[in-house]
Amino acid sequence: MNNKLIFLRHAPTLIDPNISTDQRGIKPESIDNLTALSNLSDFQNINAIYSSTKNRAILTAGIFASKNNLNIIQIEELAEINKPGADKLSPEDYRQLKLQIFSDFNFSVNNSETANQALIRFTQAIDVIDSSNIGKNILIVSHGITMSLYFAQLQNQLSDILNRWDKFKFLNYGVIQNGIMIKDIV
């Protein structure tokens, strides 16, 4: 890695059962939090912004794009682990699903992607982003499970993923500079 990569979890999701999970936005009160975050030293002098193709990640990245007069490069591989039907679960059932995903990295929701597969996909996307840029400050806006897995793997803490997940909040961010973790995401 030859860049400063700033990983940011998207802002809290605006839940609306009439809107698909891919198109859901962010809570309006998040704008003030994002503006304050954009003023922190880690978010200064951003040269490139990448996000998943999910609306909540794009909207989160938008504050930084506007401030830095940059376009958002959307990459599907930065998406959350694929969990078909999960958006229809109750909060408690969704929590149980996450526990199952983190307890068995080969578990698949309705024969879709496993945590191991999501981690490989996400890691490969980060490698492409890093190798496509030289000496830049890059903001990467993505999702909770994939970034939890990625940062846990970097620190050989996959066995502690449930504890890490409990600490991981919306708008948490982590920093990796020249391949060295400067700030953990939790």
Protein backbone atom coordinates (compact mmCIF):
# COMPACT_ATOMS: atom_id res chain seq x y z
CA MET A 1 0.00 0.00 0.00
CA ASN A 2 1.35 3.38 -0.95
CA ASN A 3 -1.50 5.69 0.00
CA LYS A 4 -3.41 6.92 3.01
CA LEU A 5 -6.68 4.97 3.00
CA ILE A 6 -9.45 6.32 5.20
CA PHE A 7 -12.22 3.78 5.68
CA LEU A 8 -15.57 5.24 6.77
CA ARG A 9 -18.70 3.34 7.66
CA HIS A 10 -21.74 4.98 6.10
CA ALA A 11 -24.08 7.18 8.14
CA PRO A 12 -27.10 5.64 9.91
CA THR A 13 -29.60 4.25 7.44
CA LEU A 14 -33.03 5.76 7.03
CA ILE A 15 -35.26 2.70 7.31
CA ASP A 16 -38.29 2.78 5.04
CA PRO A 17 -39.97 -0.55 4.25
CA ASN A 18 -41.24 0.94 0.98
CA ILE A 19 -37.70 1.55 -0.30
CA SER A 20 -35.34 -1.25 -1.30
CA THR A 21 -32.31 -1.69 0.93
CA ASP A 22 -30.01 -0.65 -1.94
CA GLN A 23 -31.81 2.67 -2.33
CA ARG A 24 -32.24 3.60 1.33
CA GLY A 25 -30.78 6.94 2.31
CA ILE A 26 -29.27 8.27 5.50
CA LYS A 27 -30.93 9.88 8.49
CA PRO A 28 -31.17 13.67 8.04
CA GLU A 29 -29.52 14.33 11.41
CA SER A 30 -26.40 12.61 10.05
CA ILE A 31 -25.55 15.63 7.89
CA ASP A 32 -24.31 17.66 10.87
CA ASN A 33 -22.23 14.70 12.08
CA LEU A 34 -20.74 14.22 8.61
CA THR A 35 -19.91 17.91 8.33
CA ALA A 36 -18.11 17.82 11.69
CA LEU A 37 -16.29 14.64 10.68
CA SER A 38 -15.17 16.23 7.41
CA ASN A 39 -13.37 18.91 9.42
CA LEU A 40 -11.14 16.42 11.29
CA SER A 41 -7.49 16.32 10.27
CA ASP A 42 -7.75 12.76 8.88
CA PHE A 43 -10.28 13.97 6.32
CA GLN A 44 -8.27 16.91 5.00
CA ASN A 45 -6.65 16.94 1.57
CA ILE A 46 -8.62 13.99 0.20
CA ASN A 47 -7.61 13.26 -3.42
CA ALA A 48 -10.05 10.47 -4.29
CA ILE A 49 -13.33 9.12 -2.96
CA TYR A 50 -14.61 5.59 -3.47
CA SER A 51 -17.89 4.17 -2.23
CA SER A 52 -20.07 1.15 -2.70
CA THR A 53 -22.98 1.51 -5.08
CA LYS A 54 -25.50 1.57 -2.22
CA ASN A 55 -27.29 4.88 -1.81
CA ARG A 56 -26.43 5.28 1.91
CA ALA A 57 -22.70 4.99 1.13
CA ILE A 58 -22.96 7.38 -1.81
CA LEU A 59 -24.85 9.96 0.28
CA THR A 60 -22.30 9.64 3.08
CA ALA A 61 -19.44 10.16 0.61
CA GLY A 62 -21.28 13.12 -0.93
CA ILE A 63 -20.45 15.49 1.92
CA PHE A 64 -16.74 14.85 1.39
CA ALA A 65 -17.04 14.99 -2.40
CA SER A 66 -18.71 18.41 -2.22
CA LYS A 67 -16.15 19.77 0.22
CA ASN A 68 -13.21 18.54 -1.88
CA ASN A 69 -14.77 19.13 -5.31
CA LEU A 70 -14.34 15.46 -6.23
CA ASN A 71 -16.42 12.84 -7.97
CA ILE A 72 -17.37 9.66 -6.15
CA ILE A 73 -16.06 6.52 -7.78
CA GLN A 74 -18.61 3.79 -7.15
CA ILE A 75 -17.35 0.23 -6.86
CA GLU A 76 -19.81 -2.60 -6.40
CA GLU A 77 -17.18 -4.77 -4.69
CA LEU A 78 -17.18 -2.37 -1.71
CA ALA A 79 -20.74 -3.45 -0.89
CA GLU A 80 -21.93 -5.19 2.23
CA ILE A 81 -22.04 -8.97 2.36
CA ASN A 82 -24.94 -10.18 0.25
CA LYS A 83 -27.82 -11.16 2.56
CA PRO A 84 -30.94 -11.74 0.41
CA GLY A 85 -34.14 -11.13 2.35
CA ALA A 86 -32.34 -9.71 5.39
CA ASP A 87 -34.01 -6.32 4.96
CA LYS A 88 -37.35 -7.95 5.79
CA LEU A 89 -36.15 -9.32 9.14
CA SER A 90 -37.07 -7.86 12.51
CA PRO A 91 -34.20 -6.10 14.32
CA GLU A 92 -33.76 -9.10 16.63
CA ASP A 93 -33.77 -11.60 13.75
CA TYR A 94 -31.28 -9.42 11.87
CA ARG A 95 -29.02 -9.36 14.93
CA GLN A 96 -29.21 -13.16 15.10
CA LEU A 97 -28.32 -13.36 11.42
CA LYS A 98 -25.20 -11.23 12.01
CA LEU A 99 -24.22 -13.47 14.91
CA GLN A 100 -24.52 -16.48 12.62
CA ILE A 101 -22.46 -14.78 9.88
CA PHE A 102 -19.70 -13.91 12.37
CA SER A 103 -19.80 -17.32 14.04
CA ASP A 104 -19.44 -19.31 10.83
CA PHE A 105 -17.51 -17.57 8.04
CA ASN A 106 -18.75 -20.22 5.60
CA PHE A 107 -22.44 -19.61 6.41
CA SER A 108 -24.47 -18.42 3.46
CA VAL A 109 -27.80 -16.61 3.51
CA ASN A 110 -30.04 -18.32 0.97
CA ASN A 111 -27.04 -19.76 -0.90
CA SER A 112 -25.45 -16.35 -1.41
CA GLU A 113 -22.08 -14.97 -0.41
CA THR A 114 -20.27 -16.19 2.72
CA ALA A 115 -18.27 -13.94 5.06
CA ASN A 116 -15.08 -15.49 3.67
CA GLN A 117 -16.14 -14.69 0.12
CA ALA A 118 -17.16 -11.15 1.06
CA LEU A 119 -13.81 -10.58 2.75
CA ILE A 120 -11.91 -11.78 -0.32
CA ARG A 121 -14.04 -9.59 -2.62
CA PHE A 122 -13.58 -6.52 -0.40
CA THR A 123 -9.83 -7.09 0.05
CA GLN A 124 -9.33 -7.44 -3.70
CA ALA A 125 -11.23 -4.18 -4.29
CA ILE A 126 -9.01 -2.38 -1.75
CA ASP A 127 -5.90 -3.79 -3.42
CA VAL A 128 -7.09 -2.48 -6.81
CA ILE A 129 -7.88 0.96 -5.37
CA ASP A 130 -4.48 1.15 -3.68
CA SER A 131 -2.49 -0.03 -6.69
CA SER A 132 -4.37 2.39 -8.99
CA ASN A 133 -3.24 5.41 -6.97
CA ILE A 134 0.12 6.69 -5.79
CA GLY A 135 0.69 8.94 -2.78
CA LYS A 136 -2.96 9.93 -2.37
CA ASN A 137 -5.34 10.44 0.54
CA ILE A 138 -8.26 8.19 -0.37
CA LEU A 139 -11.64 8.03 1.34
CA ILE A 140 -13.43 4.67 1.10
CA VAL A 141 -17.06 4.64 2.25
CA SER A 142 -18.46 1.19 2.79
CA HIS A 143 -20.45 -1.04 5.13
CA GLY A 144 -20.24 -2.59 8.57
CA ILE A 145 -19.80 -6.31 8.13
CA THR A 146 -17.27 -6.16 5.29
CA MET A 147 -15.15 -3.49 7.00
CA SER A 148 -15.36 -5.33 10.34
CA LEU A 149 -14.02 -8.44 8.66
CA TYR A 150 -11.31 -6.50 6.81
CA PHE A 151 -9.94 -4.68 9.86
CA ALA A 152 -10.17 -7.79 12.04
CA GLN A 153 -8.19 -9.74 9.44
CA LEU A 154 -5.53 -7.02 9.28
CA GLN A 155 -4.97 -7.46 13.00
CA ASN A 156 -5.38 -11.24 13.13
CA GLN A 157 -8.50 -10.74 15.27
CA LEU A 158 -11.11 -12.63 13.27
CA SER A 159 -11.67 -14.83 16.32
CA ASP A 160 -12.76 -11.68 18.21
CA ILE A 161 -15.07 -10.39 15.47
CA LEU A 162 -18.23 -10.41 17.62
CA ASN A 163 -16.61 -8.23 20.27
CA ARG A 164 -15.27 -5.89 17.58
CA TRP A 165 -18.71 -5.72 15.93
CA ASP A 166 -20.33 -4.60 19.18
CA LYS A 167 -17.95 -1.59 19.23
CA PHE A 168 -18.37 -0.70 15.56
CA LYS A 169 -20.77 2.23 15.10
CA PHE A 170 -22.05 4.19 12.12
CA LEU A 171 -19.53 6.81 10.95
CA ASN A 172 -16.62 5.05 12.66
CA TYR A 173 -13.49 5.34 10.61
CA GLY A 174 -10.08 3.73 10.38
CA VAL A 175 -6.86 4.77 8.68
CA ILE A 176 -4.19 2.74 6.92
CA GLN A 177 -1.17 4.63 5.66
CA ASN A 178 1.45 2.97 3.46
CA GLY A 179 0.22 -0.43 4.61
CA ILE A 180 0.35 0.40 8.34
CA MET A 181 -2.79 0.74 10.41
CA ILE A 182 -2.75 4.20 12.00
CA LYS A 183 -6.27 4.07 13.45
CA ASP A 184 -8.46 1.03 14.02
CA ILE A 185 -12.03 1.28 12.82
CA VAL A 186 -13.50 0.30 16.21
